[in-house]
PDB file of N, CA and C in Angstrom:
ATOM      1  N   MET A   1      -5.469 -15.316   5.102  1.00  0.00           N
ATOM      2  CA  MET A   1      -4.900 -14.457   6.109  1.00  0.00           C
ATOM      3  C   MET A   1      -5.482 -13.047   5.998  1.00  0.00           C
ATOM      4  N   PHE A   2      -5.689 -12.601   4.736  1.00  0.00           N
ATOM      5  CA  PHE A   2      -6.246 -11.269   4.523  1.00  0.00           C
ATOM      6  C   PHE A   2      -7.630 -11.162   5.152  1.00  0.00           C
ATOM      7  N   LEU A   3      -8.435 -12.195   4.988  1.00  0.00           N
ATOM      8  CA  LEU A   3      -9.785 -12.161   5.556  1.00  0.00           C
ATOM      9  C   LEU A   3      -9.753 -12.141   7.079  1.00  0.00           C
ATOM     10  N   ILE A   4      -8.796 -12.837   7.675  1.00  0.00           N
ATOM     11  CA  ILE A   4      -8.672 -12.837   9.134  1.00  0.00           C
ATOM     12  C   ILE A   4      -8.306 -11.441   9.632  1.00  0.00           C
ATOM     13  N   VAL A   5      -7.324 -10.816   8.990  1.00  0.00           N
ATOM     14  CA  VAL A   5      -6.901  -9.471   9.401  1.00  0.00           C
ATOM     15  C   VAL A   5      -8.032  -8.474   9.210  1.00  0.00           C
ATOM     16  N   MET A   6      -8.716  -8.545   8.080  1.00  0.00           N
ATOM     17  CA  MET A   6      -9.811  -7.601   7.835  1.00  0.00           C
ATOM     18  C   MET A   6     -10.962  -7.834   8.812  1.00  0.00           C
ATOM     19  N   GLY A   7     -11.234  -9.084   9.131  1.00  0.00           N
ATOM     20  CA  GLY A   7     -12.264  -9.377  10.120  1.00  0.00           C
ATOM     21  C   GLY A   7     -11.907  -8.833  11.495  1.00  0.00           C
ATOM     22  N   MET A   8     -10.636  -8.975  11.874  1.00  0.00           N
ATOM     23  CA  MET A   8     -10.201  -8.434  13.163  1.00  0.00           C
ATOM     24  C   MET A   8     -10.289  -6.914  13.176  1.00  0.00           C
ATOM     25  N   LEU A   9      -9.857  -6.272  12.090  1.00  0.00           N
ATOM     26  CA  LEU A   9      -9.948  -4.811  12.018  1.00  0.00           C
ATOM     27  C   LEU A   9     -11.395  -4.339  12.088  1.00  0.00           C
ATOM     28  N   TYR A  10     -12.280  -5.030  11.384  1.00  0.00           N
ATOM     29  CA  TYR A  10     -13.695  -4.659  11.392  1.00  0.00           C
ATOM     30  C   TYR A  10     -14.291  -4.830  12.789  1.00  0.00           C
ATOM     31  N   LEU A  11     -13.948  -5.927  13.452  1.00  0.00           N
ATOM     32  CA  LEU A  11     -14.462  -6.176  14.798  1.00  0.00           C
ATOM     33  C   LEU A  11     -13.941  -5.138  15.789  1.00  0.00           C
ATOM     34  N   ILE A  12     -12.667  -4.820  15.711  1.00  0.00           N
ATOM     35  CA  ILE A  12     -12.096  -3.790  16.587  1.00  0.00           C
ATOM     36  C   ILE A  12     -12.741  -2.443  16.311  1.00  0.00           C
ATOM     37  N   ASP A  13     -12.997  -2.164  15.031  1.00  0.00           N
ATOM     38  CA  ASP A  13     -13.639  -0.896  14.677  1.00  0.00           C
ATOM     39  C   ASP A  13     -15.047  -0.819  15.246  1.00  0.00           C
ATOM     40  N   LYS A  14     -15.757  -1.923  15.256  1.00  0.00           N
ATOM     41  CA  LYS A  14     -17.125  -1.913  15.796  1.00  0.00           C
ATOM     42  C   LYS A  14     -17.126  -1.793  17.322  1.00  0.00           C
ATOM     43  N   PHE A  15     -16.167  -2.410  17.986  1.00  0.00           N
ATOM     44  CA  PHE A  15     -16.117  -2.327  19.445  1.00  0.00           C
ATOM     45  C   PHE A  15     -15.548  -0.998  19.936  1.00  0.00           C
ATOM     46  N   ILE A  16     -14.426  -0.588  19.390  1.00  0.00           N
ATOM     47  CA  ILE A  16     -13.725   0.600  19.872  1.00  0.00           C
ATOM     48  C   ILE A  16     -14.059   1.819  19.035  1.00  0.00           C
ATOM     49  N   GLY A  17     -14.001   1.665  17.727  1.00  0.00           N
ATOM     50  CA  GLY A  17     -14.229   2.783  16.819  1.00  0.00           C
ATOM     51  C   GLY A  17     -12.948   3.553  16.588  1.00  0.00           C
ATOM     52  N   PHE A  18     -12.311   3.300  15.470  1.00  0.00           N
ATOM     53  CA  PHE A  18     -11.054   3.980  15.170  1.00  0.00           C
ATOM     54  C   PHE A  18     -11.254   5.480  15.011  1.00  0.00           C
ATOM     55  N   ALA A  19     -12.400   5.872  14.461  1.00  0.00           N
ATOM     56  CA  ALA A  19     -12.657   7.301  14.219  1.00  0.00           C
ATOM     57  C   ALA A  19     -12.743   8.081  15.526  1.00  0.00           C
ATOM     58  N   SER A  20     -13.271   7.459  16.565  1.00  0.00           N
ATOM     59  CA  SER A  20     -13.382   8.164  17.843  1.00  0.00           C
ATOM     60  C   SER A  20     -12.030   8.346  18.530  1.00  0.00           C
ATOM     61  N   HIS A  21     -11.035   7.594  18.083  1.00  0.00           N
ATOM     62  CA  HIS A  21      -9.685   7.715  18.637  1.00  0.00           C
ATOM     63  C   HIS A  21      -8.741   8.467  17.703  1.00  0.00           C
ATOM     64  N   GLY A  22      -9.300   9.142  16.713  1.00  0.00           N
ATOM     65  CA  GLY A  22      -8.480   9.933  15.801  1.00  0.00           C
ATOM     66  C   GLY A  22      -7.817   9.140  14.696  1.00  0.00           C
ATOM     67  N   LEU A  23      -8.314   7.949  14.428  1.00  0.00           N
ATOM     68  CA  LEU A  23      -7.733   7.104  13.381  1.00  0.00           C
ATOM     69  C   LEU A  23      -8.781   6.707  12.334  1.00  0.00           C
ATOM     70  N   PRO A  24      -9.450   7.671  11.715  1.00  0.00           N
ATOM     71  CA  PRO A  24     -10.497   7.290  10.753  1.00  0.00           C
ATOM     72  C   PRO A  24      -9.937   6.669   9.475  1.00  0.00           C
ATOM     73  N   TRP A  25      -8.660   6.879   9.198  1.00  0.00           N
ATOM     74  CA  TRP A  25      -8.057   6.370   7.972  1.00  0.00           C
ATOM     75  C   TRP A  25      -7.855   4.861   7.990  1.00  0.00           C
ATOM     76  N   VAL A  26      -7.911   4.234   9.168  1.00  0.00           N
ATOM     77  CA  VAL A  26      -7.634   2.800   9.271  1.00  0.00           C
ATOM     78  C   VAL A  26      -8.648   1.982   8.478  1.00  0.00           C
ATOM     79  N   MET A  27      -9.907   2.361   8.517  1.00  0.00           N
ATOM     80  CA  MET A  27     -10.948   1.585   7.845  1.00  0.00           C
ATOM     81  C   MET A  27     -11.416   2.212   6.537  1.00  0.00           C
ATOM     82  N   GLN A  28     -10.654   3.118   5.959  1.00  0.00           N
ATOM     83  CA  GLN A  28     -11.029   3.666   4.656  1.00  0.00           C
ATOM     84  C   GLN A  28     -10.803   2.607   3.582  1.00  0.00           C
ATOM     85  N   LYS A  29     -11.685   2.605   2.593  1.00  0.00           N
ATOM     86  CA  LYS A  29     -11.644   1.533   1.599  1.00  0.00           C
ATOM     87  C   LYS A  29     -10.386   1.548   0.742  1.00  0.00           C
ATOM     88  N   ASP A  30      -9.756   2.695   0.550  1.00  0.00           N
ATOM     89  CA  ASP A  30      -8.541   2.697  -0.266  1.00  0.00           C
ATOM     90  C   ASP A  30      -7.344   2.109   0.476  1.00  0.00           C
ATOM     91  N   ASN A  31      -7.400   2.050   1.788  1.00  0.00           N
ATOM     92  CA  ASN A  31      -6.308   1.443   2.549  1.00  0.00           C
ATOM     93  C   ASN A  31      -6.404  -0.078   2.587  1.00  0.00           C
ATOM     94  N   LEU A  32      -7.554  -0.638   2.254  1.00  0.00           N
ATOM     95  CA  LEU A  32      -7.692  -2.091   2.239  1.00  0.00           C
ATOM     96  C   LEU A  32      -6.755  -2.711   1.205  1.00  0.00           C
ATOM     97  N   LEU A  33      -6.546  -2.014   0.108  1.00  0.00           N
ATOM     98  CA  LEU A  33      -5.615  -2.490  -0.912  1.00  0.00           C
ATOM     99  C   LEU A  33      -4.187  -2.519  -0.370  1.00  0.00           C
ATOM    100  N   LEU A  34      -3.837  -1.524   0.418  1.00  0.00           N
ATOM    101  CA  LEU A  34      -2.507  -1.493   1.034  1.00  0.00           C
ATOM    102  C   LEU A  34      -2.354  -2.626   2.044  1.00  0.00           C
ATOM    103  N   TYR A  35      -3.386  -2.886   2.829  1.00  0.00           N
ATOM    104  CA  TYR A  35      -3.331  -3.999   3.783  1.00  0.00           C
ATOM    105  C   TYR A  35      -3.140  -5.323   3.049  1.00  0.00           C
ATOM    106  N   ALA A  36      -3.870  -5.507   1.954  1.00  0.00           N
ATOM    107  CA  ALA A  36      -3.727  -6.737   1.174  1.00  0.00           C
ATOM    108  C   ALA A  36      -2.314  -6.865   0.616  1.00  0.00           C
ATOM    109  N   ALA A  37      -1.750  -5.759   0.137  1.00  0.00           N
ATOM    110  CA  ALA A  37      -0.390  -5.795  -0.408  1.00  0.00           C
ATOM    111  C   ALA A  37       0.616  -6.190   0.664  1.00  0.00           C
ATOM    112  N   VAL A  38       0.493  -5.606   1.843  1.00  0.00           N
ATOM    113  CA  VAL A  38       1.427  -5.919   2.932  1.00  0.00           C
ATOM    114  C   VAL A  38       1.298  -7.379   3.346  1.00  0.00           C
ATOM    115  N   ILE A  39       0.076  -7.882   3.422  1.00  0.00           N
ATOM    116  CA  ILE A  39      -0.130  -9.278   3.819  1.00  0.00           C
ATOM    117  C   ILE A  39       0.448 -10.224   2.769  1.00  0.00           C
ATOM    118  N   PHE A  40       0.215  -9.932   1.488  1.00  0.00           N
ATOM    119  CA  PHE A  40       0.787 -10.777   0.437  1.00  0.00           C
ATOM    120  C   PHE A  40       2.309 -10.727   0.452  1.00  0.00           C
ATOM    121  N   LEU A  41       2.883  -9.561   0.669  1.00  0.00           N
ATOM    122  CA  LEU A  41       4.343  -9.462   0.710  1.00  0.00           C
ATOM    123  C   LEU A  41       4.926 -10.180   1.920  1.00  0.00           C
ATOM    124  N   TRP A  42       4.198 -10.167   3.010  1.00  0.00           N
ATOM    125  CA  TRP A  42       4.703 -10.753   4.242  1.00  0.00           C
ATOM    126  C   TRP A  42       4.607 -12.279   4.252  1.00  0.00           C
ATOM    127  N   PHE A  43       3.481 -12.821   3.776  1.00  0.00           N
ATOM    128  CA  PHE A  43       3.219 -14.240   3.968  1.00  0.00           C
ATOM    129  C   PHE A  43       3.422 -15.115   2.736  1.00  0.00           C
ATOM    130  N   LYS A  44       3.449 -14.564   1.556  1.00  0.00           N
ATOM    131  CA  LYS A  44       3.576 -15.379   0.351  1.00  0.00           C
ATOM    132  C   LYS A  44       5.034 -15.463  -0.090  1.00  0.00           C
ATOM    133  N   VAL A  45       5.383 -16.597  -0.642  1.00  0.00           N
ATOM    134  CA  VAL A  45       6.729 -16.770  -1.166  1.00  0.00           C
ATOM    135  C   VAL A  45       6.879 -15.981  -2.467  1.00  0.00           C
ATOM    136  N   ASP A  46       5.860 -16.054  -3.323  1.00  0.00           N
ATOM    137  CA  ASP A  46       5.852 -15.293  -4.577  1.00  0.00           C
ATOM    138  C   ASP A  46       5.384 -13.873  -4.274  1.00  0.00           C
ATOM    139  N   LYS A  47       6.282 -12.923  -4.381  1.00  0.00           N
ATOM    140  CA  LYS A  47       6.006 -11.537  -3.983  1.00  0.00           C
ATOM    141  C   LYS A  47       5.347 -10.709  -5.082  1.00  0.00           C
ATOM    142  N   SER A  48       5.105 -11.297  -6.260  1.00  0.00           N
ATOM    143  CA  SER A  48       4.622 -10.499  -7.386  1.00  0.00           C
ATOM    144  C   SER A  48       3.232  -9.916  -7.137  1.00  0.00           C
ATOM    145  N   VAL A  49       2.343 -10.667  -6.512  1.00  0.00           N
ATOM    146  CA  VAL A  49       0.993 -10.159  -6.244  1.00  0.00           C
ATOM    147  C   VAL A  49       1.056  -8.986  -5.276  1.00  0.00           C
ATOM    148  N   GLY A  50       1.861  -9.097  -4.243  1.00  0.00           N
ATOM    149  CA  GLY A  50       2.004  -8.008  -3.281  1.00  0.00           C
ATOM    150  C   GLY A  50       2.596  -6.761  -3.901  1.00  0.00           C
ATOM    151  N   ILE A  51       3.568  -6.940  -4.784  1.00  0.00           N
ATOM    152  CA  ILE A  51       4.185  -5.788  -5.450  1.00  0.00           C
ATOM    153  C   ILE A  51       3.186  -5.108  -6.371  1.00  0.00           C
ATOM    154  N   VAL A  52       2.400  -5.895  -7.099  1.00  0.00           N
ATOM    155  CA  VAL A  52       1.386  -5.318  -7.989  1.00  0.00           C
ATOM    156  C   VAL A  52       0.334  -4.569  -7.185  1.00  0.00           C
ATOM    157  N   LEU A  53      -0.136  -5.153  -6.089  1.00  0.00           N
ATOM    158  CA  LEU A  53      -1.136  -4.477  -5.252  1.00  0.00           C
ATOM    159  C   LEU A  53      -0.580  -3.195  -4.646  1.00  0.00           C
ATOM    160  N   ALA A  54       0.664  -3.226  -4.202  1.00  0.00           N
ATOM    161  CA  ALA A  54       1.285  -2.015  -3.654  1.00  0.00           C
ATOM    162  C   ALA A  54       1.443  -0.952  -4.739  1.00  0.00           C
ATOM    163  N   GLY A  55       1.783  -1.375  -5.945  1.00  0.00           N
ATOM    164  CA  GLY A  55       1.893  -0.430  -7.053  1.00  0.00           C
ATOM    165  C   GLY A  55       0.560   0.199  -7.407  1.00  0.00           C
ATOM    166  N   ILE A  56      -0.501  -0.598  -7.405  1.00  0.00           N
ATOM    167  CA  ILE A  56      -1.840  -0.058  -7.675  1.00  0.00           C
ATOM    168  C   ILE A  56      -2.236   0.922  -6.587  1.00  0.00           C
ATOM    169  N   TRP A  57      -1.954   0.579  -5.323  1.00  0.00           N
ATOM    170  CA  TRP A  57      -2.278   1.507  -4.232  1.00  0.00           C
ATOM    171  C   TRP A  57      -1.495   2.805  -4.389  1.00  0.00           C
ATOM    172  N   LEU A  58      -0.236   2.691  -4.774  1.00  0.00           N
ATOM    173  CA  LEU A  58       0.598   3.879  -4.954  1.00  0.00           C
ATOM    174  C   LEU A  58       0.059   4.767  -6.066  1.00  0.00           C
ATOM    175  N   ILE A  59      -0.371   4.165  -7.162  1.00  0.00           N
ATOM    176  CA  ILE A  59      -0.929   4.944  -8.268  1.00  0.00           C
ATOM    177  C   ILE A  59      -2.237   5.606  -7.854  1.00  0.00           C
ATOM    178  N   LEU A  60      -3.083   4.881  -7.133  1.00  0.00           N
ATOM    179  CA  LEU A  60      -4.365   5.447  -6.707  1.00  0.00           C
ATOM    180  C   LEU A  60      -4.195   6.566  -5.685  1.00  0.00           C
ATOM    181  N   ASN A  61      -3.120   6.527  -4.911  1.00  0.00           N
ATOM    182  CA  ASN A  61      -2.893   7.517  -3.859  1.00  0.00           C
ATOM    183  C   ASN A  61      -1.661   8.366  -4.130  1.00  0.00           C
ATOM    184  N   ILE A  62      -1.406   8.674  -5.388  1.00  0.00           N
ATOM    185  CA  ILE A  62      -0.210   9.438  -5.742  1.00  0.00           C
ATOM    186  C   ILE A  62      -0.257  10.842  -5.145  1.00  0.00           C
ATOM    187  N   GLY A  63      -1.446  11.406  -4.989  1.00  0.00           N
ATOM    188  CA  GLY A  63      -1.565  12.730  -4.369  1.00  0.00           C
ATOM    189  C   GLY A  63      -1.081  12.720  -2.933  1.00  0.00           C
ATOM    190  N   LEU A  64      -1.419  11.669  -2.193  1.00  0.00           N
ATOM    191  CA  LEU A  64      -0.963  11.529  -0.811  1.00  0.00           C
ATOM    192  C   LEU A  64       0.552  11.382  -0.752  1.00  0.00           C
ATOM    193  N   VAL A  65       1.099  10.589  -1.650  1.00  0.00           N
ATOM    194  CA  VAL A  65       2.545  10.369  -1.666  1.00  0.00           C
ATOM    195  C   VAL A  65       3.277  11.670  -1.975  1.00  0.00           C
ATOM    196  N   ILE A  66       2.787  12.415  -2.951  1.00  0.00           N
ATOM    197  CA  ILE A  66       3.423  13.685  -3.308  1.00  0.00           C
ATOM    198  C   ILE A  66       3.313  14.678  -2.158  1.00  0.00           C
ATOM    199  N   ALA A  67       2.162  14.708  -1.487  1.00  0.00           N
ATOM    200  CA  ALA A  67       1.996  15.620  -0.351  1.00  0.00           C
ATOM    201  C   ALA A  67       2.937  15.255   0.792  1.00  0.00           C
ATOM    202  N   LEU A  68       3.138  13.961   1.029  1.00  0.00           N
ATOM    203  CA  LEU A  68       4.035  13.543   2.103  1.00  0.00           C
ATOM    204  C   LEU A  68       5.495  13.842   1.774  1.00  0.00           C
ATOM    205  N   LEU A  69       5.841  13.760   0.512  1.00  0.00           N
ATOM    206  CA  LEU A  69       7.225  14.027   0.125  1.00  0.00           C
ATOM    207  C   LEU A  69       7.542  15.514   0.079  1.00  0.00           C
ATOM    208  N   GLY A  70       6.535  16.341  -0.139  1.00  0.00           N
ATOM    209  CA  GLY A  70       6.747  17.787  -0.163  1.00  0.00           C
ATOM    210  C   GLY A  70       7.605  18.211  -1.333  1.00  0.00           C
ATOM    211  N   GLN A  71       8.587  19.041  -1.079  1.00  0.00           N
ATOM    212  CA  GLN A  71       9.450  19.560  -2.135  1.00  0.00           C
ATOM    213  C   GLN A  71      10.365  18.488  -2.723  1.00  0.00           C
ATOM    214  N   MET A  72      10.610  17.444  -1.966  1.00  0.00           N
ATOM    215  CA  MET A  72      11.490  16.391  -2.458  1.00  0.00           C
ATOM    216  C   MET A  72      10.845  15.587  -3.575  1.00  0.00           C
ATOM    217  N   SER A  73       9.515  15.705  -3.725  1.00  0.00           N
ATOM    218  CA  SER A  73       8.828  14.916  -4.740  1.00  0.00           C
ATOM    219  C   SER A  73       9.274  15.284  -6.145  1.00  0.00           C
ATOM    220  N   ALA A  74       9.782  16.497  -6.330  1.00  0.00           N
ATOM    221  CA  ALA A  74      10.248  16.904  -7.654  1.00  0.00           C
ATOM    222  C   ALA A  74      11.419  16.041  -8.110  1.00  0.00           C
ATOM    223  N   TYR A  75      12.175  15.489  -7.172  1.00  0.00           N
ATOM    224  CA  TYR A  75      13.329  14.665  -7.515  1.00  0.00           C
ATOM    225  C   TYR A  75      13.092  13.183  -7.239  1.00  0.00           C
ATOM    226  N   LEU A  76      12.400  12.882  -6.148  1.00  0.00           N
ATOM    227  CA  LEU A  76      12.248  11.487  -5.755  1.00  0.00           C
ATOM    228  C   LEU A  76      11.260  10.718  -6.616  1.00  0.00           C
ATOM    229  N   LEU A  77      10.171  11.337  -7.014  1.00  0.00           N
ATOM    230  CA  LEU A  77       9.169  10.621  -7.797  1.00  0.00           C
ATOM    231  C   LEU A  77       9.723  10.169  -9.148  1.00  0.00           C
ATOM    232  N   PRO A  78      10.367  11.036  -9.924  1.00  0.00           N
ATOM    233  CA  PRO A  78      10.956  10.537 -11.178  1.00  0.00           C
ATOM    234  C   PRO A  78      12.042   9.488 -10.944  1.00  0.00           C
ATOM    235  N   ALA A  79      12.830   9.665  -9.904  1.00  0.00           N
ATOM    236  CA  ALA A  79      13.871   8.676  -9.603  1.00  0.00           C
ATOM    237  C   ALA A  79      13.251   7.339  -9.210  1.00  0.00           C
ATOM    238  N   ALA A  80      12.180   7.376  -8.428  1.00  0.00           N
ATOM    239  CA  ALA A  80      11.507   6.140  -8.021  1.00  0.00           C
ATOM    240  C   ALA A  80      10.873   5.448  -9.221  1.00  0.00           C
ATOM    241  N   LEU A  81      10.261   6.221 -10.108  1.00  0.00           N
ATOM    242  CA  LEU A  81       9.667   5.625 -11.304  1.00  0.00           C
ATOM    243  C   LEU A  81      10.738   5.007 -12.196  1.00  0.00           C
ATOM    244  N   LEU A  82      11.874   5.664 -12.303  1.00  0.00           N
ATOM    245  CA  LEU A  82      12.984   5.117 -13.074  1.00  0.00           C
ATOM    246  C   LEU A  82      13.495   3.827 -12.442  1.00  0.00           C
ATOM    247  N   LEU A  83      13.614   3.806 -11.131  1.00  0.00           N
ATOM    248  CA  LEU A  83      14.064   2.615 -10.419  1.00  0.00           C
ATOM    249  C   LEU A  83      13.086   1.459 -10.599  1.00  0.00           C
ATOM    250  N   VAL A  84      11.802   1.741 -10.500  1.00  0.00           N
ATOM    251  CA  VAL A  84      10.789   0.699 -10.695  1.00  0.00           C
ATOM    252  C   VAL A  84      10.858   0.162 -12.118  1.00  0.00           C
ATOM    253  N   GLY A  85      11.045   1.043 -13.087  1.00  0.00           N
ATOM    254  CA  GLY A  85      11.172   0.601 -14.473  1.00  0.00           C
ATOM    255  C   GLY A  85      12.367  -0.302 -14.686  1.00  0.00           C
ATOM    256  N   VAL A  86      13.494   0.051 -14.087  1.00  0.00           N
ATOM    257  CA  VAL A  86      14.703  -0.777 -14.208  1.00  0.00           C
ATOM    258  C   VAL A  86      14.486  -2.133 -13.548  1.00  0.00           C
ATOM    259  N   ILE A  87      13.864  -2.139 -12.383  1.00  0.00           N
ATOM    260  CA  ILE A  87      13.596  -3.407 -11.685  1.00  0.00           C
ATOM    261  C   ILE A  87      12.667  -4.285 -12.506  1.00  0.00           C
ATOM    262  N   LEU A  88      11.606  -3.700 -13.056  1.00  0.00           N
ATOM    263  CA  LEU A  88      10.679  -4.479 -13.880  1.00  0.00           C
ATOM    264  C   LEU A  88      11.373  -5.023 -15.127  1.00  0.00           C
ATOM    265  N   TYR A  89      12.247  -4.228 -15.723  1.00  0.00           N
ATOM    266  CA  TYR A  89      12.990  -4.696 -16.893  1.00  0.00           C
ATOM    267  C   TYR A  89      13.902  -5.866 -16.527  1.00  0.00           C
ATOM    268  N   LEU A  90      14.615  -5.742 -15.414  1.00  0.00           N
ATOM    269  CA  LEU A  90      15.527  -6.809 -15.004  1.00  0.00           C
ATOM    270  C   LEU A  90      14.778  -8.083 -14.646  1.00  0.00           C
ATOM    271  N   VAL A  91      13.625  -7.940 -14.004  1.00  0.00           N
ATOM    272  CA  VAL A  91      12.834  -9.120 -13.641  1.00  0.00           C
ATOM    273  C   VAL A  91      12.280  -9.794 -14.889  1.00  0.00           C
ATOM    274  N   SER A  92      11.869  -9.011 -15.875  1.00  0.00           N
ATOM    275  CA  SER A  92      11.274  -9.597 -17.080  1.00  0.00           C
ATOM    276  C   SER A  92      12.311 -10.277 -17.969  1.00  0.00           C
ATOM    277  N   THR A  93      13.568  -9.891 -17.879  1.00  0.00           N
ATOM    278  CA  THR A  93      14.598 -10.506 -18.721  1.00  0.00           C
ATOM    279  C   THR A  93      15.242 -11.721 -18.078  1.00  0.00           C
ATOM    280  N   ARG A  94      14.907 -12.020 -16.848  1.00  0.00           N
ATOM    281  CA  ARG A  94      15.483 -13.202 -16.199  1.00  0.00           C
ATOM    282  C   ARG A  94      14.830 -14.456 -16.670  1.00  0.00           C
TER     283      ARG A  94
END
């Protein structure tokens, strides 16, 4: 499914050109990991691969996440990391 979506995005980019419409971020290579994570989370029964891919994308783009959160990042980022740690602990003990 990932290859189909990426092929469609590539074909649309070649015909229309996302950059010419103000969407150059659609075909950036770091977003491909996010697309893969969303596809795995959406279509697979086992969500672990999608969660890992989303986590890797989040770590690679932490600057973007902090910039989007603004002043709230001082509180939300540590809380989110704590929540992820608790979830990982609970999943590993099951």
